[in-house]
């Protein structure tokens, strides 16, 4: 597992590959857009992977010494929303007691879990040029766990852990050295407490609240996010531990809408963060770097990533 920068599929180019390789950054992450329509973005990426132009870029990345990983909000793809018409029991129950196809699944439904695991195998096999580190995240956000009578005592973290364990067990039948990321993020920032962590599950800590929390509970959410690092490291202590940061995430700065805004990274904050992450014991550091592609360059010129690269070398 290597330090990386993560971009959108349409931003992948030889220029980005050369930029990362020349800076000594070891991996490039591909991240189709998240949100409610993440399953559509993932399907579009899989189609793109079949083209010679995309495969040439991935092959070129490998020749430059870069590893390639795919970081995906995958649940809407692994359990197609159209199944709700015939199998509403596959899907989560909200706090009102209603089955809904909006996000995630009912982790107590054996047929749903089996289908997700089988589809995860096919997805893993489809990711062109990927390492065997898999990032099949559940739907992102708050209050998206299942609240049915069988699931309601399981936290969002425990429900995520159940799904990850199940997917990884199935994938390992075909890819024995596979590993799977636990995304510690928003509701799942608290470690799982009722479900054990299988071998091969590694921590990916993503401090989203630090940048986005704005409501009356913002201070508490940000503090909790920071306070959970120690228990997360204790819980996920068998595998490398990764940070997924937002220092270069111009999509966030731009409100996830084009055209992109002018971007200047906060160098001092990033340096302090990286020093602290290294001190705490994180092995791998990555950052989103979306909305810095060709359209950004046409407006503002090429984004400079040397501060990130230099900070990694310094710490």
Protein backbone atom coordinates (compact mmCIF):
# COMPACT_ATOMS: atom_id res chain seq x y z
CA UNK A 1 0.00 0.00 0.00
CA UNK A 2 1.50 3.32 -1.09
CA UNK A 3 0.78 7.01 -0.63
CA UNK A 4 -1.58 8.27 -3.30
CA UNK A 5 -3.65 11.02 -4.84
CA UNK A 6 -7.19 10.23 -5.94
CA UNK A 7 -8.88 11.69 -9.01
CA UNK A 8 -12.03 11.21 -11.08
CA UNK A 9 -11.88 8.81 -14.06
CA UNK A 10 -12.29 11.57 -16.65
CA UNK A 11 -9.29 13.39 -15.16
CA UNK A 12 -6.87 10.52 -15.76
CA UNK A 13 -4.15 11.51 -18.23
CA UNK A 14 -0.50 10.95 -19.00
CA UNK A 15 0.19 14.37 -17.50
CA UNK A 16 -1.34 13.35 -14.16
CA UNK A 17 0.52 10.04 -14.23
CA UNK A 18 3.84 11.73 -14.97
CA UNK A 19 3.18 14.35 -12.30
CA UNK A 20 2.67 11.72 -9.61
CA UNK A 21 5.53 9.51 -10.74
CA UNK A 22 7.97 12.42 -10.99
CA UNK A 23 6.97 13.57 -7.50
CA UNK A 24 7.64 10.14 -6.02
CA UNK A 25 4.02 9.44 -5.10
CA UNK A 26 3.52 5.70 -5.37
CA UNK A 27 -0.10 5.22 -6.40
CA UNK A 28 -2.99 6.82 -8.23
CA UNK A 29 -6.55 6.31 -7.07
CA UNK A 30 -9.56 6.37 -9.35
CA UNK A 31 -12.80 7.57 -7.74
CA UNK A 32 -16.08 7.86 -9.66
CA UNK A 33 -18.45 10.42 -8.17
CA UNK A 34 -20.35 9.46 -5.02
CA UNK A 35 -23.75 10.57 -3.79
CA UNK A 36 -27.17 9.22 -4.65
CA UNK A 37 -26.15 8.29 -8.20
CA UNK A 38 -22.85 6.64 -7.32
CA UNK A 39 -23.99 3.37 -8.90
CA UNK A 40 -24.33 5.14 -12.26
CA UNK A 41 -20.85 6.67 -11.97
CA UNK A 42 -19.40 3.24 -11.19
CA UNK A 43 -21.19 1.65 -14.15
CA UNK A 44 -19.78 4.38 -16.40
CA UNK A 45 -16.29 3.71 -15.08
CA UNK A 46 -16.60 0.00 -15.83
CA UNK A 47 -17.60 0.84 -19.40
CA UNK A 48 -14.65 3.21 -19.68
CA UNK A 49 -12.35 0.39 -18.55
CA UNK A 50 -13.23 -1.59 -21.65
CA UNK A 51 -11.80 1.08 -23.97
CA UNK A 52 -8.29 0.88 -25.34
CA UNK A 53 -7.62 4.52 -24.48
CA UNK A 54 -8.33 3.93 -20.78
CA UNK A 55 -6.33 0.71 -20.65
CA UNK A 56 -3.36 2.38 -22.32
CA UNK A 57 -3.34 5.00 -19.57
CA UNK A 58 -3.45 2.38 -16.82
CA UNK A 59 -0.69 0.40 -18.53
CA UNK A 60 1.34 3.60 -18.81
CA UNK A 61 0.86 4.24 -15.09
CA UNK A 62 2.29 0.82 -14.38
CA UNK A 63 5.32 1.50 -16.58
CA UNK A 64 5.92 4.67 -14.54
CA UNK A 65 5.94 2.58 -11.37
CA UNK A 66 2.52 3.64 -10.08
CA UNK A 67 0.07 1.29 -8.42
CA UNK A 68 -3.55 1.78 -9.40
CA UNK A 69 -6.46 1.52 -6.96
CA UNK A 70 -10.19 2.14 -7.27
CA UNK A 71 -12.01 3.85 -4.40
CA UNK A 72 -15.73 3.32 -4.89
CA UNK A 73 -19.08 4.02 -3.27
CA UNK A 74 -20.21 0.63 -4.46
CA UNK A 75 -23.32 -0.51 -2.59
CA UNK A 76 -25.88 0.87 -5.04
CA UNK A 77 -24.07 -1.08 -7.76
CA UNK A 78 -23.59 -4.29 -5.78
CA UNK A 79 -27.27 -4.38 -4.82
CA UNK A 80 -29.15 -2.85 -7.73
CA UNK A 81 -31.93 -0.50 -6.68
CA UNK A 82 -34.30 -2.05 -9.23
CA UNK A 83 -34.46 -5.15 -7.04
CA UNK A 84 -36.62 -3.19 -4.61
CA UNK A 85 -39.67 -3.79 -6.83
CA UNK A 86 -39.48 -7.54 -6.26
CA UNK A 87 -37.41 -7.84 -3.09
CA UNK A 88 -38.00 -4.89 -0.76
CA UNK A 89 -36.80 -7.08 2.11
CA UNK A 90 -33.26 -6.81 0.73
CA UNK A 91 -33.14 -3.14 1.58
CA UNK A 92 -32.83 -1.17 4.76
CA UNK A 93 -35.63 -0.10 7.03
CA UNK A 94 -35.55 3.57 7.97
CA UNK A 95 -36.36 5.03 11.37
CA UNK A 96 -40.04 5.28 10.40
CA UNK A 97 -40.20 1.51 9.97
CA UNK A 98 -40.40 1.71 6.16
CA UNK A 99 -38.33 -0.34 3.72
CA UNK A 100 -36.54 2.04 1.39
CA UNK A 101 -34.20 1.61 -1.57
CA UNK A 102 -32.43 4.93 -1.02
CA UNK A 103 -29.23 3.62 0.57
CA UNK A 104 -27.46 0.43 1.65
CA UNK A 105 -29.21 -2.81 2.60
CA UNK A 106 -30.65 -5.02 5.32
CA UNK A 107 -27.57 -6.81 6.64
CA UNK A 108 -29.76 -9.47 8.31
CA UNK A 109 -31.16 -10.62 4.99
CA UNK A 110 -29.07 -13.61 3.91
CA UNK A 111 -30.10 -13.46 0.24
CA UNK A 112 -29.13 -9.78 -0.01
CA UNK A 113 -25.77 -10.40 1.64
CA UNK A 114 -25.05 -13.34 -0.65
CA UNK A 115 -25.90 -11.30 -3.73
CA UNK A 116 -23.69 -8.43 -2.62
CA UNK A 117 -20.77 -10.82 -1.98
CA UNK A 118 -21.16 -12.51 -5.37
CA UNK A 119 -21.31 -9.17 -7.16
CA UNK A 120 -18.28 -7.96 -5.20
CA UNK A 121 -16.26 -10.83 -6.66
CA UNK A 122 -17.22 -9.84 -10.17
CA UNK A 123 -16.46 -6.19 -9.48
CA UNK A 124 -13.04 -7.04 -8.05
CA UNK A 125 -12.23 -9.07 -11.15
CA UNK A 126 -13.38 -6.22 -13.42
CA UNK A 127 -11.12 -3.46 -12.07
CA UNK A 128 -8.49 -3.13 -14.77
CA UNK A 129 -4.94 -2.92 -13.50
CA UNK A 130 -5.95 -2.74 -9.84
CA UNK A 131 -3.95 -3.80 -6.83
CA UNK A 132 -5.64 -6.34 -4.58
CA UNK A 133 -6.60 -3.62 -2.10
CA UNK A 134 -10.33 -3.11 -2.58
CA UNK A 135 -12.40 -0.10 -1.58
CA UNK A 136 -16.06 -1.09 -1.89
CA UNK A 137 -17.58 1.53 0.36
CA UNK A 138 -21.16 1.53 1.52
CA UNK A 139 -23.37 4.52 0.73
CA UNK A 140 -22.03 7.62 2.40
CA UNK A 141 -23.86 9.89 4.79
CA UNK A 142 -25.74 9.98 8.05
CA UNK A 143 -28.56 7.75 9.26
CA UNK A 144 -28.22 5.21 6.46
CA UNK A 145 -28.10 1.99 8.47
CA UNK A 146 -30.90 -0.56 8.62
CA UNK A 147 -33.33 -0.19 11.55
CA UNK A 148 -35.33 -3.39 11.11
CA UNK A 149 -35.89 -5.53 14.24
CA UNK A 150 -32.98 -7.82 13.29
CA UNK A 151 -30.52 -5.00 12.52
CA UNK A 152 -31.45 -2.12 14.79
CA UNK A 153 -29.04 -3.09 17.60
CA UNK A 154 -26.13 -2.98 15.15
CA UNK A 155 -24.43 0.38 14.69
CA UNK A 156 -23.61 1.75 11.24
CA UNK A 157 -20.04 0.60 11.88
CA UNK A 158 -21.09 -2.94 12.80
CA UNK A 159 -23.35 -3.15 9.75
CA UNK A 160 -20.51 -1.99 7.50
CA UNK A 161 -18.20 -4.52 9.13
CA UNK A 162 -20.64 -7.37 8.45
CA UNK A 163 -20.81 -6.46 4.77
CA UNK A 164 -17.05 -6.01 4.38
CA UNK A 165 -16.28 -9.32 6.07
CA UNK A 166 -18.76 -11.11 3.84
CA UNK A 167 -17.46 -9.54 0.64
CA UNK A 168 -13.83 -10.19 1.49
CA UNK A 169 -14.41 -13.84 2.40
CA UNK A 170 -15.98 -14.39 -1.01
CA UNK A 171 -13.34 -12.43 -2.92
CA UNK A 172 -10.53 -14.34 -1.20
CA UNK A 173 -11.81 -17.57 -2.71
CA UNK A 174 -10.67 -16.14 -6.05
CA UNK A 175 -8.00 -13.60 -5.01
CA UNK A 176 -6.30 -15.03 -1.90
CA UNK A 177 -4.23 -11.94 -1.06
CA UNK A 178 -7.19 -9.54 -1.32
CA UNK A 179 -7.68 -6.87 1.33
CA UNK A 180 -10.71 -4.64 1.96
CA UNK A 181 -10.94 -1.09 3.32
CA UNK A 182 -13.10 -0.15 6.29
CA UNK A 183 -14.04 3.48 5.63
CA UNK A 184 -14.10 5.28 8.97
CA UNK A 185 -16.25 8.19 7.94
CA UNK A 186 -19.31 10.08 9.27
CA UNK A 187 -21.50 7.51 11.09
CA UNK A 188 -18.87 4.78 10.82
CA UNK A 189 -16.16 6.90 12.44
CA UNK A 190 -16.88 4.95 15.64
CA UNK A 191 -15.21 1.51 15.55
CA UNK A 192 -17.42 -1.58 15.30
CA UNK A 193 -18.05 -3.11 18.71
CA UNK A 194 -20.28 -6.14 18.08
CA UNK A 195 -18.76 -7.56 14.88
CA UNK A 196 -15.19 -8.86 14.72
CA UNK A 197 -12.75 -7.58 12.12
CA UNK A 198 -11.66 -10.33 9.72
CA UNK A 199 -8.03 -10.66 8.69
CA UNK A 200 -7.45 -8.56 5.59
CA UNK A 201 -9.68 -5.65 6.62
CA UNK A 202 -7.65 -2.44 6.89
CA UNK A 203 -8.52 0.99 8.25
CA UNK A 204 -9.13 3.95 5.95
CA UNK A 205 -9.69 7.01 8.11
CA UNK A 206 -11.45 9.89 6.31
CA UNK A 207 -11.97 13.04 8.43
CA UNK A 208 -14.89 14.45 6.43
CA UNK A 209 -16.51 16.32 9.33
CA UNK A 210 -13.36 18.41 9.78
CA UNK A 211 -14.18 20.15 6.52
CA UNK A 212 -17.96 19.94 6.21
CA UNK A 213 -19.61 20.02 9.65
CA UNK A 214 -21.48 23.32 9.89
CA UNK A 215 -24.53 22.70 12.09
CA UNK A 216 -25.01 23.26 15.81
CA UNK A 217 -23.26 19.94 16.51
CA UNK A 218 -20.21 20.74 14.37
CA UNK A 219 -17.74 21.06 17.24
CA UNK A 220 -18.88 17.78 18.77
CA UNK A 221 -18.74 15.94 15.43
CA UNK A 222 -15.23 17.20 14.67
CA UNK A 223 -14.05 16.36 18.18
CA UNK A 224 -15.52 12.87 17.98
CA UNK A 225 -13.81 12.32 14.63
CA UNK A 226 -10.46 13.18 16.20
CA UNK A 227 -11.09 11.23 19.40
CA UNK A 228 -11.94 8.07 17.46
CA UNK A 229 -8.48 7.75 15.92
CA UNK A 230 -6.99 5.92 18.91
CA UNK A 231 -9.81 3.35 19.25
CA UNK A 232 -9.84 2.85 15.47
CA UNK A 233 -6.11 2.12 15.47
CA UNK A 234 -6.59 -0.37 18.30
CA UNK A 235 -9.46 -2.10 16.49
CA UNK A 236 -7.72 -2.32 13.11
CA UNK A 237 -4.27 -3.26 14.34
CA UNK A 238 -3.39 -6.19 12.06
CA UNK A 239 -3.14 -4.43 8.68
CA UNK A 240 -1.61 -1.21 7.33
CA UNK A 241 -3.57 1.87 8.39
CA UNK A 242 -4.43 4.53 5.84
CA UNK A 243 -5.55 8.17 5.93
CA UNK A 244 -7.86 9.48 3.22
CA UNK A 245 -7.65 13.28 3.38
CA UNK A 246 -9.12 16.22 1.44
CA UNK A 247 -6.18 18.63 1.22
CA UNK A 248 -6.37 18.77 -2.60
CA UNK A 249 -10.06 18.02 -3.01
CA UNK A 250 -11.14 20.88 -5.24
CA UNK A 251 -14.47 19.11 -5.84
CA UNK A 252 -15.32 19.79 -2.18
CA UNK A 253 -14.17 23.39 -2.44
CA UNK A 254 -16.27 23.78 -5.59
CA UNK A 255 -19.39 22.33 -3.96
CA UNK A 256 -19.11 19.24 -6.19
CA UNK A 257 -20.25 21.34 -9.15
CA UNK A 258 -18.45 22.44 -12.28
CA UNK A 259 -16.84 24.74 -13.30
CA UNK A 260 -14.12 24.21 -10.69
CA UNK A 261 -13.02 27.05 -8.45
CA UNK A 262 -9.48 28.35 -8.17
CA UNK A 263 -7.62 26.15 -5.70
CA UNK A 264 -4.74 26.86 -3.31
CA UNK A 265 -3.89 24.13 -0.76
CA UNK A 266 -3.45 25.04 2.90
CA UNK A 267 0.20 24.01 3.13
CA UNK A 268 0.64 24.70 6.84
CA UNK A 269 -2.44 22.71 7.85
CA UNK A 270 -1.42 19.82 5.59
CA UNK A 271 2.13 19.71 6.99
CA UNK A 272 0.80 19.68 10.54
CA UNK A 273 -1.72 16.96 9.71
CA UNK A 274 0.84 14.72 8.01
CA UNK A 275 3.30 15.08 10.87
CA UNK A 276 0.58 14.14 13.35
CA UNK A 277 -0.68 11.18 11.30
CA UNK A 278 2.84 9.80 11.08
CA UNK A 279 3.38 10.31 14.81
CA UNK A 280 0.14 8.51 15.65
CA UNK A 281 1.07 5.51 13.53
CA UNK A 282 -0.65 5.71 10.14
CA UNK A 283 1.28 3.83 7.47
CA UNK A 284 -0.16 5.31 4.29
CA UNK A 285 -1.41 8.80 3.45
CA UNK A 286 -3.63 9.77 0.56
CA UNK A 287 -5.70 12.75 -0.51
CA UNK A 288 -8.49 13.40 -2.93
CA UNK A 289 -7.34 15.63 -5.80
CA UNK A 290 -10.53 15.87 -7.84
CA UNK A 291 -11.58 18.79 -10.07
CA UNK A 292 -7.96 19.52 -10.98
CA UNK A 293 -8.06 18.01 -14.47
CA UNK A 294 -8.00 19.49 -17.96
CA UNK A 295 -10.95 21.83 -17.41
CA UNK A 296 -9.23 23.24 -14.32
CA UNK A 297 -5.98 23.74 -16.23
CA UNK A 298 -7.80 25.60 -19.00
CA UNK A 299 -9.12 28.06 -16.43
CA UNK A 300 -6.24 28.43 -13.98
CA UNK A 301 -3.21 26.49 -15.17
CA UNK A 302 -1.71 23.27 -13.85
CA UNK A 303 -2.21 22.40 -10.19
CA UNK A 304 1.01 22.09 -8.19
CA UNK A 305 1.32 18.97 -5.99
CA UNK A 306 4.90 19.47 -4.83
CA UNK A 307 3.85 20.57 -1.33
CA UNK A 308 2.15 17.22 -0.77
CA UNK A 309 5.03 15.25 -2.23
CA UNK A 310 7.61 17.16 -0.20
CA UNK A 311 5.62 16.72 3.01
CA UNK A 312 5.51 12.96 2.51
CA UNK A 313 9.28 12.89 2.13
CA UNK A 314 9.79 15.12 5.16
CA UNK A 315 7.72 12.94 7.47
